[in-house]
Amino acid sequence: DRESELLKDYEVPSYFAEDLFNLISEKRRPPYRWFLIGPKRSGTSAHIDPLGTSAWNALVYGRKRWIMTKPGTRKRQVKGYALRKKGEDGEASTYFSYHVPRILKDEAEKKVRDMGIREVIQEPGEVIYVPGGWYHAVLNLTHTIAVTQNFCAKAQFLKIWRHVRKGRKKMALKWLKALKEKYPDLAEAALKCNEDDGWKMKEASKKSKKKKKKKKRKCSDSSDSEERRERRRRRNCDPNAEFHASRAVPSSSYQSGRGSR
């Protein structure tokens, strides 16, 4: 297929080849690589990449402006919430045009804590490395084409493990199992980390899974029986049928309503 053909031209730079998330299947692993095409003045405002992962960004065409801050920077400060004026949004072009100059001014005048801001212009053929936990923002100065990927190196393992076990519990169980086979030392470190933090990992038992399925079936059956009772009332010309109908909630309406909330 087209995706397979595209991947033949894709190669991870040697500096970032180590990726412990490769132990997890593509289905279980969260989205991690993107082929980016961005028009001029598009981009992203300040953010940290998910699960504490690091990333690399290889620019194929165009020019990008990057801003990064050192770890530990407060979200409100780097996003410049207090400096926003009425009507200003959080888009990348607004952030770079208005918020960043105000942030830099306040930092220069020592009105705020030093964020260790680093700024760079990325040219075609250059690769930017974004360490895990660093706030960063990007503005496309021209039309751009780039490739980017998030990854987990051994040096960052414990930091990322804490994020994964909390935010991706099922993935954490699969990952731990794979680590025990491939990297037993890291699996041991993860278990010790859990013990030190008082964190307990529990895999859902077969019994609990069956209970959930039974409960779901029971709810479905009860809603169906309510519909059948309502139909019987209508057939028997029940004088209260109209009243009951106004209170009855068909299962199809209930399900679609729940999904739209």
C-alpha atoms as a PDB file:
ATOM      1  CA  ASP A   1       0.000   0.000   0.000  1.00  0.00           C
ATOM      2  CA  ARG A   2       0.957   3.680  -0.168  1.00  0.00           C
ATOM      3  CA  GLU A   3       2.051   3.813   3.473  1.00  0.00           C
ATOM      4  CA  SER A   4       4.473   0.901   2.992  1.00  0.00           C
ATOM      5  CA  GLU A   5       5.917   2.546  -0.110  1.00  0.00           C
ATOM      6  CA  LEU A   6       6.416   5.819   1.764  1.00  0.00           C
ATOM      7  CA  LEU A   7       8.147   4.071   4.665  1.00  0.00           C
ATOM      8  CA  LYS A   8      10.751   2.624   2.286  1.00  0.00           C
ATOM      9  CA  ASP A   9      12.108   6.175   1.882  1.00  0.00           C
ATOM     10  CA  TYR A  10      12.046   6.759   5.633  1.00  0.00           C
ATOM     11  CA  GLU A  11      15.042   6.186   7.905  1.00  0.00           C
ATOM     12  CA  VAL A  12      15.516   7.217  11.536  1.00  0.00           C
ATOM     13  CA  PRO A  13      18.746   9.232  12.027  1.00  0.00           C
ATOM     14  CA  SER A  14      21.433   7.090  13.698  1.00  0.00           C
ATOM     15  CA  TYR A  15      21.571   9.419  16.721  1.00  0.00           C
ATOM     16  CA  PHE A  16      17.973   8.518  17.604  1.00  0.00           C
ATOM     17  CA  ALA A  17      17.865   4.855  16.549  1.00  0.00           C
ATOM     18  CA  GLU A  18      17.462   3.607  20.130  1.00  0.00           C
ATOM     19  CA  ASP A  19      13.760   3.533  20.941  1.00  0.00           C
ATOM     20  CA  LEU A  20      12.351   1.321  23.701  1.00  0.00           C
ATOM     21  CA  PHE A  21       8.823   1.867  22.382  1.00  0.00           C
ATOM     22  CA  ASN A  22       9.776  -0.401  19.468  1.00  0.00           C
ATOM     23  CA  LEU A  23       9.089  -3.284  21.865  1.00  0.00           C
ATOM     24  CA  ILE A  24       5.381  -2.400  21.707  1.00  0.00           C
ATOM     25  CA  SER A  25       3.143  -3.230  18.760  1.00  0.00           C
ATOM     26  CA  GLU A  26       2.065  -0.439  16.420  1.00  0.00           C
ATOM     27  CA  LYS A  27      -1.521  -0.997  17.583  1.00  0.00           C
ATOM     28  CA  ARG A  28      -0.710  -0.504  21.267  1.00  0.00           C
ATOM     29  CA  ARG A  29       1.876   2.246  20.809  1.00  0.00           C
ATOM     30  CA  PRO A  30       0.541   5.848  20.829  1.00  0.00           C
ATOM     31  CA  PRO A  31       0.975   7.954  17.630  1.00  0.00           C
ATOM     32  CA  TYR A  32       4.671   8.804  17.322  1.00  0.00           C
ATOM     33  CA  ARG A  33       5.700   9.779  13.786  1.00  0.00           C
ATOM     34  CA  TRP A  34       4.361  12.324  11.338  1.00  0.00           C
ATOM     35  CA  PHE A  35       4.953  13.625   7.822  1.00  0.00           C
ATOM     36  CA  LEU A  36       4.308  17.358   8.173  1.00  0.00           C
ATOM     37  CA  ILE A  37       3.274  19.823   5.481  1.00  0.00           C
ATOM     38  CA  GLY A  38       2.663  23.335   6.803  1.00  0.00           C
ATOM     39  CA  PRO A  39       1.859  26.643   5.109  1.00  0.00           C
ATOM     40  CA  LYS A  40       3.563  29.894   6.030  1.00  0.00           C
ATOM     41  CA  ARG A  41       2.610  31.252   9.508  1.00  0.00           C
ATOM     42  CA  SER A  42       1.272  27.883  10.686  1.00  0.00           C
ATOM     43  CA  GLY A  43       2.887  25.981  13.552  1.00  0.00           C
ATOM     44  CA  THR A  44       2.345  25.053  17.195  1.00  0.00           C
ATOM     45  CA  SER A  45       2.277  27.146  20.359  1.00  0.00           C
ATOM     46  CA  ALA A  46       4.257  26.145  23.471  1.00  0.00           C
ATOM     47  CA  HIS A  47       3.755  22.543  24.576  1.00  0.00           C
ATOM     48  CA  ILE A  48       5.548  19.503  26.022  1.00  0.00           C
ATOM     49  CA  ASP A  49       5.524  16.254  24.042  1.00  0.00           C
ATOM     50  CA  PRO A  50       3.387  13.433  25.489  1.00  0.00           C
ATOM     51  CA  LEU A  51       4.589  10.841  28.024  1.00  0.00           C
ATOM     52  CA  GLY A  52       7.819  12.747  28.626  1.00  0.00           C
ATOM     53  CA  THR A  53       9.262  11.543  25.310  1.00  0.00           C
ATOM     54  CA  SER A  54      11.948  13.310  23.313  1.00  0.00           C
ATOM     55  CA  ALA A  55      11.596  14.052  19.610  1.00  0.00           C
ATOM     56  CA  TRP A  56      13.562  14.855  16.494  1.00  0.00           C
ATOM     57  CA  ASN A  57      12.383  16.983  13.577  1.00  0.00           C
ATOM     58  CA  ALA A  58      14.046  16.797  10.158  1.00  0.00           C
ATOM     59  CA  LEU A  59      13.244  19.676   7.820  1.00  0.00           C
ATOM     60  CA  VAL A  60      13.049  18.755   4.135  1.00  0.00           C
ATOM     61  CA  TYR A  61      11.835  22.071   2.701  1.00  0.00           C
ATOM     62  CA  GLY A  62      11.342  25.637   3.978  1.00  0.00           C
ATOM     63  CA  ARG A  63      12.354  27.388   7.202  1.00  0.00           C
ATOM     64  CA  LYS A  64      11.098  27.036  10.790  1.00  0.00           C
ATOM     65  CA  ARG A  65      11.532  29.225  13.851  1.00  0.00           C
ATOM     66  CA  TRP A  66      11.873  27.362  17.161  1.00  0.00           C
ATOM     67  CA  ILE A  67      11.699  28.460  20.788  1.00  0.00           C
ATOM     68  CA  MET A  68      12.529  26.124  23.682  1.00  0.00           C
ATOM     69  CA  THR A  69      12.654  26.581  27.448  1.00  0.00           C
ATOM     70  CA  LYS A  70      14.547  24.619  30.063  1.00  0.00           C
ATOM     71  CA  PRO A  71      12.779  21.879  32.077  1.00  0.00           C
ATOM     72  CA  GLY A  72      10.755  22.995  35.078  1.00  0.00           C
ATOM     73  CA  THR A  73       9.363  26.107  33.398  1.00  0.00           C
ATOM     74  CA  ARG A  74       5.836  26.921  34.511  1.00  0.00           C
ATOM     75  CA  LYS A  75       3.112  26.426  31.926  1.00  0.00           C
ATOM     76  CA  ARG A  76       1.424  29.777  32.612  1.00  0.00           C
ATOM     77  CA  GLN A  77       4.718  31.593  32.222  1.00  0.00           C
ATOM     78  CA  VAL A  78       5.880  30.002  28.978  1.00  0.00           C
ATOM     79  CA  LYS A  79       2.428  30.331  27.387  1.00  0.00           C
ATOM     80  CA  GLY A  80       2.233  33.974  28.477  1.00  0.00           C
ATOM     81  CA  TYR A  81      -1.323  33.731  29.819  1.00  0.00           C
ATOM     82  CA  ALA A  82      -0.953  36.846  31.958  1.00  0.00           C
ATOM     83  CA  LEU A  83       0.373  38.823  28.981  1.00  0.00           C
ATOM     84  CA  ARG A  84      -2.441  38.064  26.548  1.00  0.00           C
ATOM     85  CA  LYS A  85      -4.699  40.910  25.543  1.00  0.00           C
ATOM     86  CA  LYS A  86      -8.402  40.722  24.828  1.00  0.00           C
ATOM     87  CA  GLY A  87      -9.143  39.036  21.511  1.00  0.00           C
ATOM     88  CA  GLU A  88      -5.748  37.315  21.195  1.00  0.00           C
ATOM     89  CA  ASP A  89      -5.851  33.560  20.628  1.00  0.00           C
ATOM     90  CA  GLY A  90      -3.242  30.880  21.263  1.00  0.00           C
ATOM     91  CA  GLU A  91      -2.334  30.204  17.627  1.00  0.00           C
ATOM     92  CA  ALA A  92       1.366  29.931  16.744  1.00  0.00           C
ATOM     93  CA  SER A  93       1.401  33.131  14.648  1.00  0.00           C
ATOM     94  CA  THR A  94      -0.175  35.122  17.517  1.00  0.00           C
ATOM     95  CA  TYR A  95       2.149  33.531  20.067  1.00  0.00           C
ATOM     96  CA  PHE A  96       5.310  34.399  18.126  1.00  0.00           C
ATOM     97  CA  SER A  97       4.148  37.844  16.978  1.00  0.00           C
ATOM     98  CA  TYR A  98       2.780  39.163  20.281  1.00  0.00           C
ATOM     99  CA  HIS A  99       3.286  36.875  23.261  1.00  0.00           C
ATOM    100  CA  VAL A 100       6.948  35.927  22.789  1.00  0.00           C
ATOM    101  CA  PRO A 101       8.204  39.561  22.579  1.00  0.00           C
ATOM    102  CA  ARG A 102       6.339  40.354  25.820  1.00  0.00           C
ATOM    103  CA  ILE A 103       7.710  37.225  27.513  1.00  0.00           C
ATOM    104  CA  LEU A 104      11.270  38.117  26.473  1.00  0.00           C
ATOM    105  CA  LYS A 105      10.802  41.721  27.646  1.00  0.00           C
ATOM    106  CA  ASP A 106       9.577  40.601  31.090  1.00  0.00           C
ATOM    107  CA  GLU A 107      12.423  38.112  31.343  1.00  0.00           C
ATOM    108  CA  ALA A 108      15.031  40.762  30.383  1.00  0.00           C
ATOM    109  CA  GLU A 109      13.608  43.125  33.003  1.00  0.00           C
ATOM    110  CA  LYS A 110      13.695  40.266  35.555  1.00  0.00           C
ATOM    111  CA  LYS A 111       9.953  40.544  36.179  1.00  0.00           C
ATOM    112  CA  VAL A 112       9.636  36.774  35.842  1.00  0.00           C
ATOM    113  CA  ARG A 113      11.744  33.743  36.627  1.00  0.00           C
ATOM    114  CA  ASP A 114      14.421  32.958  34.018  1.00  0.00           C
ATOM    115  CA  MET A 115      13.114  30.322  31.599  1.00  0.00           C
ATOM    116  CA  GLY A 116      16.416  29.789  29.785  1.00  0.00           C
ATOM    117  CA  ILE A 117      14.777  30.477  26.432  1.00  0.00           C
ATOM    118  CA  ARG A 118      16.633  29.173  23.389  1.00  0.00           C
ATOM    119  CA  GLU A 119      15.712  30.361  19.914  1.00  0.00           C
ATOM    120  CA  VAL A 120      16.859  28.957  16.566  1.00  0.00           C
ATOM    121  CA  ILE A 121      16.009  29.104  12.857  1.00  0.00           C
ATOM    122  CA  GLN A 122      15.925  25.657  11.247  1.00  0.00           C
ATOM    123  CA  GLU A 123      17.062  25.450   7.621  1.00  0.00           C
ATOM    124  CA  PRO A 124      16.396  22.657   5.065  1.00  0.00           C
ATOM    125  CA  GLY A 125      18.446  19.522   5.782  1.00  0.00           C
ATOM    126  CA  GLU A 126      18.812  20.323   9.489  1.00  0.00           C
ATOM    127  CA  VAL A 127      17.514  18.139  12.329  1.00  0.00           C
ATOM    128  CA  ILE A 128      16.292  19.608  15.616  1.00  0.00           C
ATOM    129  CA  TYR A 129      16.419  17.536  18.807  1.00  0.00           C
ATOM    130  CA  VAL A 130      13.797  18.312  21.459  1.00  0.00           C
ATOM    131  CA  PRO A 131      14.634  16.827  24.899  1.00  0.00           C
ATOM    132  CA  GLY A 132      11.770  15.329  26.884  1.00  0.00           C
ATOM    133  CA  GLY A 133      10.063  17.729  29.285  1.00  0.00           C
ATOM    134  CA  TRP A 134      11.130  20.887  27.403  1.00  0.00           C
ATOM    135  CA  TYR A 135       8.420  23.337  26.359  1.00  0.00           C
ATOM    136  CA  HIS A 136       8.814  24.254  22.699  1.00  0.00           C
ATOM    137  CA  ALA A 137       6.929  26.205  20.043  1.00  0.00           C
ATOM    138  CA  VAL A 138       7.360  26.276  16.264  1.00  0.00           C
ATOM    139  CA  LEU A 139       6.437  28.790  13.562  1.00  0.00           C
ATOM    140  CA  ASN A 140       6.713  28.038   9.846  1.00  0.00           C
ATOM    141  CA  LEU A 141       8.419  31.049   8.261  1.00  0.00           C
ATOM    142  CA  THR A 142       7.670  29.660   4.783  1.00  0.00           C
ATOM    143  CA  HIS A 143       5.789  26.686   3.389  1.00  0.00           C
ATOM    144  CA  THR A 144       7.480  23.655   4.970  1.00  0.00           C
ATOM    145  CA  ILE A 145       7.816  19.885   4.673  1.00  0.00           C
ATOM    146  CA  ALA A 146       9.255  17.927   7.589  1.00  0.00           C
ATOM    147  CA  VAL A 147       9.400  14.520   9.238  1.00  0.00           C
ATOM    148  CA  THR A 148       9.232  14.121  13.010  1.00  0.00           C
ATOM    149  CA  GLN A 149       9.186  11.267  15.491  1.00  0.00           C
ATOM    150  CA  ASN A 150       8.932  10.820  19.270  1.00  0.00           C
ATOM    151  CA  PHE A 151      11.027   8.168  20.988  1.00  0.00           C
ATOM    152  CA  CYS A 152      12.179   6.723  24.308  1.00  0.00           C
ATOM    153  CA  ALA A 153      15.910   6.205  24.862  1.00  0.00           C
ATOM    154  CA  LYS A 154      17.336   4.198  27.767  1.00  0.00           C
ATOM    155  CA  ALA A 155      18.653   7.364  29.411  1.00  0.00           C
ATOM    156  CA  GLN A 156      15.067   8.656  29.775  1.00  0.00           C
ATOM    157  CA  PHE A 157      13.448   5.355  30.662  1.00  0.00           C
ATOM    158  CA  LEU A 158      12.410   5.867  34.299  1.00  0.00           C
ATOM    159  CA  LYS A 159      11.027   9.344  33.647  1.00  0.00           C
ATOM    160  CA  ILE A 160       8.926   8.070  30.752  1.00  0.00           C
ATOM    161  CA  TRP A 161       7.952   4.915  32.644  1.00  0.00           C
ATOM    162  CA  ARG A 162       6.250   7.042  35.321  1.00  0.00           C
ATOM    163  CA  HIS A 163       4.184   8.787  32.629  1.00  0.00           C
ATOM    164  CA  VAL A 164       3.255   5.568  30.822  1.00  0.00           C
ATOM    165  CA  ARG A 165       2.189   3.567  33.888  1.00  0.00           C
ATOM    166  CA  LYS A 166      -0.183   6.392  34.839  1.00  0.00           C
ATOM    167  CA  GLY A 167      -1.513   7.514  31.462  1.00  0.00           C
ATOM    168  CA  ARG A 168      -1.336   4.268  29.450  1.00  0.00           C
ATOM    169  CA  LYS A 169      -1.965   1.456  31.936  1.00  0.00           C
ATOM    170  CA  LYS A 170      -2.607  -1.325  29.426  1.00  0.00           C
ATOM    171  CA  MET A 171       0.379  -0.283  27.371  1.00  0.00           C
ATOM    172  CA  ALA A 172       2.543  -0.253  30.525  1.00  0.00           C
ATOM    173  CA  LEU A 173       1.677  -3.904  31.232  1.00  0.00           C
ATOM    174  CA  LYS A 174       2.559  -4.963  27.676  1.00  0.00           C
ATOM    175  CA  TRP A 175       5.732  -2.888  27.759  1.00  0.00           C
ATOM    176  CA  LEU A 176       6.872  -4.343  31.087  1.00  0.00           C
ATOM    177  CA  LYS A 177       6.342  -7.872  29.776  1.00  0.00           C
ATOM    178  CA  ALA A 178       8.453  -7.122  26.679  1.00  0.00           C
ATOM    179  CA  LEU A 179      11.160  -5.448  28.790  1.00  0.00           C
ATOM    180  CA  LYS A 180      11.470  -8.552  30.981  1.00  0.00           C
ATOM    181  CA  GLU A 181      12.373 -10.560  27.883  1.00  0.00           C
ATOM    182  CA  LYS A 182      14.591  -8.048  26.072  1.00  0.00           C
ATOM    183  CA  TYR A 183      15.969  -5.759  28.802  1.00  0.00           C
ATOM    184  CA  PRO A 184      15.559  -7.488  32.198  1.00  0.00           C
ATOM    185  CA  ASP A 185      17.656  -4.794  33.897  1.00  0.00           C
ATOM    186  CA  LEU A 186      15.205  -2.084  32.806  1.00  0.00           C
ATOM    187  CA  ALA A 187      12.221  -4.220  33.829  1.00  0.00           C
ATOM    188  CA  GLU A 188      13.805  -4.619  37.263  1.00  0.00           C
ATOM    189  CA  ALA A 189      14.385  -0.849  37.442  1.00  0.00           C
ATOM    190  CA  ALA A 190      10.722  -0.241  36.554  1.00  0.00           C
ATOM    191  CA  LEU A 191       9.503  -2.617  39.293  1.00  0.00           C
ATOM    192  CA  LYS A 192      11.831  -0.991  41.829  1.00  0.00           C
ATOM    193  CA  CYS A 193      10.561   2.428  40.738  1.00  0.00           C
ATOM    194  CA  ASN A 194       6.993   1.228  41.351  1.00  0.00           C
ATOM    195  CA  GLU A 195       7.965  -0.064  44.780  1.00  0.00           C
ATOM    196  CA  ASP A 196       9.774   3.150  45.747  1.00  0.00           C
ATOM    197  CA  ASP A 197       6.804   5.250  44.595  1.00  0.00           C
ATOM    198  CA  GLY A 198       4.213   2.964  46.192  1.00  0.00           C
ATOM    199  CA  TRP A 199       2.671   2.366  42.772  1.00  0.00           C
ATOM    200  CA  LYS A 200       0.653  -0.811  42.231  1.00  0.00           C
ATOM    201  CA  MET A 201      -0.026  -2.219  38.780  1.00  0.00           C
ATOM    202  CA  LYS A 202      -3.054  -4.486  38.480  1.00  0.00           C
ATOM    203  CA  GLU A 203      -4.046  -6.395  35.381  1.00  0.00           C
ATOM    204  CA  ALA A 204      -7.794  -6.820  34.984  1.00  0.00           C
ATOM    205  CA  SER A 205      -8.750 -10.388  35.904  1.00  0.00           C
ATOM    206  CA  LYS A 206     -10.874 -12.573  33.616  1.00  0.00           C
ATOM    207  CA  LYS A 207     -13.678 -12.508  36.191  1.00  0.00           C
ATOM    208  CA  SER A 208     -13.889  -8.702  36.229  1.00  0.00           C
ATOM    209  CA  LYS A 209     -13.912  -8.632  32.421  1.00  0.00           C
ATOM    210  CA  LYS A 210     -16.809 -11.121  32.366  1.00  0.00           C
ATOM    211  CA  LYS A 211     -18.713  -9.063  34.946  1.00  0.00           C
ATOM    212  CA  LYS A 212     -18.349  -5.937  32.803  1.00  0.00           C
ATOM    213  CA  LYS A 213     -19.671  -7.792  29.743  1.00  0.00           C
ATOM    214  CA  LYS A 214     -22.631  -9.197  31.742  1.00  0.00           C
ATOM    215  CA  LYS A 215     -23.479  -5.739  33.095  1.00  0.00           C
ATOM    216  CA  LYS A 216     -23.378  -4.261  29.597  1.00  0.00           C
ATOM    217  CA  ARG A 217     -25.661  -7.041  28.279  1.00  0.00           C
ATOM    218  CA  LYS A 218     -28.053  -6.544  31.196  1.00  0.00           C
ATOM    219  CA  CYS A 219     -28.356  -2.793  30.498  1.00  0.00           C
ATOM    220  CA  SER A 220     -29.024  -3.523  26.833  1.00  0.00           C
ATOM    221  CA  ASP A 221     -31.670  -6.153  27.693  1.00  0.00           C
ATOM    222  CA  SER A 222     -33.459  -3.820  30.120  1.00  0.00           C
ATOM    223  CA  SER A 223     -33.690  -1.039  27.531  1.00  0.00           C
ATOM    224  CA  ASP A 224     -34.999  -3.532  24.932  1.00  0.00           C
ATOM    225  CA  SER A 225     -37.641  -4.862  27.341  1.00  0.00           C
ATOM    226  CA  GLU A 226     -38.768  -1.290  28.031  1.00  0.00           C
ATOM    227  CA  GLU A 227     -39.335  -0.807  24.305  1.00  0.00           C
ATOM    228  CA  ARG A 228     -41.316  -4.079  24.089  1.00  0.00           C
ATOM    229  CA  ARG A 229     -43.520  -3.049  27.023  1.00  0.00           C
ATOM    230  CA  GLU A 230     -44.175   0.283  25.345  1.00  0.00           C
ATOM    231  CA  ARG A 231     -45.222  -1.420  22.090  1.00  0.00           C
ATOM    232  CA  ARG A 232     -47.609  -3.696  24.011  1.00  0.00           C
ATOM    233  CA  ARG A 233     -49.200  -0.677  25.718  1.00  0.00           C
ATOM    234  CA  ARG A 234     -49.782   0.948  22.317  1.00  0.00           C
ATOM    235  CA  ARG A 235     -51.345  -2.246  20.842  1.00  0.00           C
ATOM    236  CA  ASN A 236     -53.700  -2.652  23.851  1.00  0.00           C
ATOM    237  CA  CYS A 237     -54.774   1.008  23.570  1.00  0.00           C
ATOM    238  CA  ASP A 238     -53.592   1.706  27.075  1.00  0.00           C
ATOM    239  CA  PRO A 239     -55.071   5.137  28.039  1.00  0.00           C
ATOM    240  CA  ASN A 240     -51.777   5.947  29.705  1.00  0.00           C
ATOM    241  CA  ALA A 241     -49.737   4.969  26.637  1.00  0.00           C
ATOM    242  CA  GLU A 242     -49.082   8.573  25.593  1.00  0.00           C
ATOM    243  CA  PHE A 243     -47.873   9.400  29.074  1.00  0.00           C
ATOM    244  CA  HIS A 244     -45.585   6.363  29.156  1.00  0.00           C
ATOM    245  CA  ALA A 245     -44.282   7.069  25.658  1.00  0.00           C
ATOM    246  CA  SER A 246     -43.175  10.531  26.676  1.00  0.00           C
ATOM    247  CA  ARG A 247     -41.106   8.993  29.441  1.00  0.00           C
ATOM    248  CA  ALA A 248     -39.748   6.037  27.478  1.00  0.00           C
ATOM    249  CA  VAL A 249     -36.223   6.378  26.106  1.00  0.00           C
ATOM    250  CA  PRO A 250     -35.451   4.014  23.189  1.00  0.00           C
ATOM    251  CA  SER A 251     -32.070   2.330  23.498  1.00  0.00           C
ATOM    252  CA  SER A 252     -30.884   3.725  20.135  1.00  0.00           C
ATOM    253  CA  SER A 253     -31.632   7.314  21.212  1.00  0.00           C
ATOM    254  CA  TYR A 254     -29.982   6.741  24.545  1.00  0.00           C
ATOM    255  CA  GLN A 255     -26.788   5.418  22.977  1.00  0.00           C
ATOM    256  CA  SER A 256     -26.510   8.208  20.425  1.00  0.00           C
ATOM    257  CA  GLY A 257     -27.231  10.813  23.087  1.00  0.00           C
ATOM    258  CA  ARG A 258     -24.566   9.444  25.374  1.00  0.00           C
ATOM    259  CA  GLY A 259     -22.011   9.537  22.589  1.00  0.00           C
ATOM    260  CA  SER A 260     -22.733  13.152  21.739  1.00  0.00           C
ATOM    261  CA  ARG A 261     -22.270  14.422  25.250  1.00  0.00           C
END
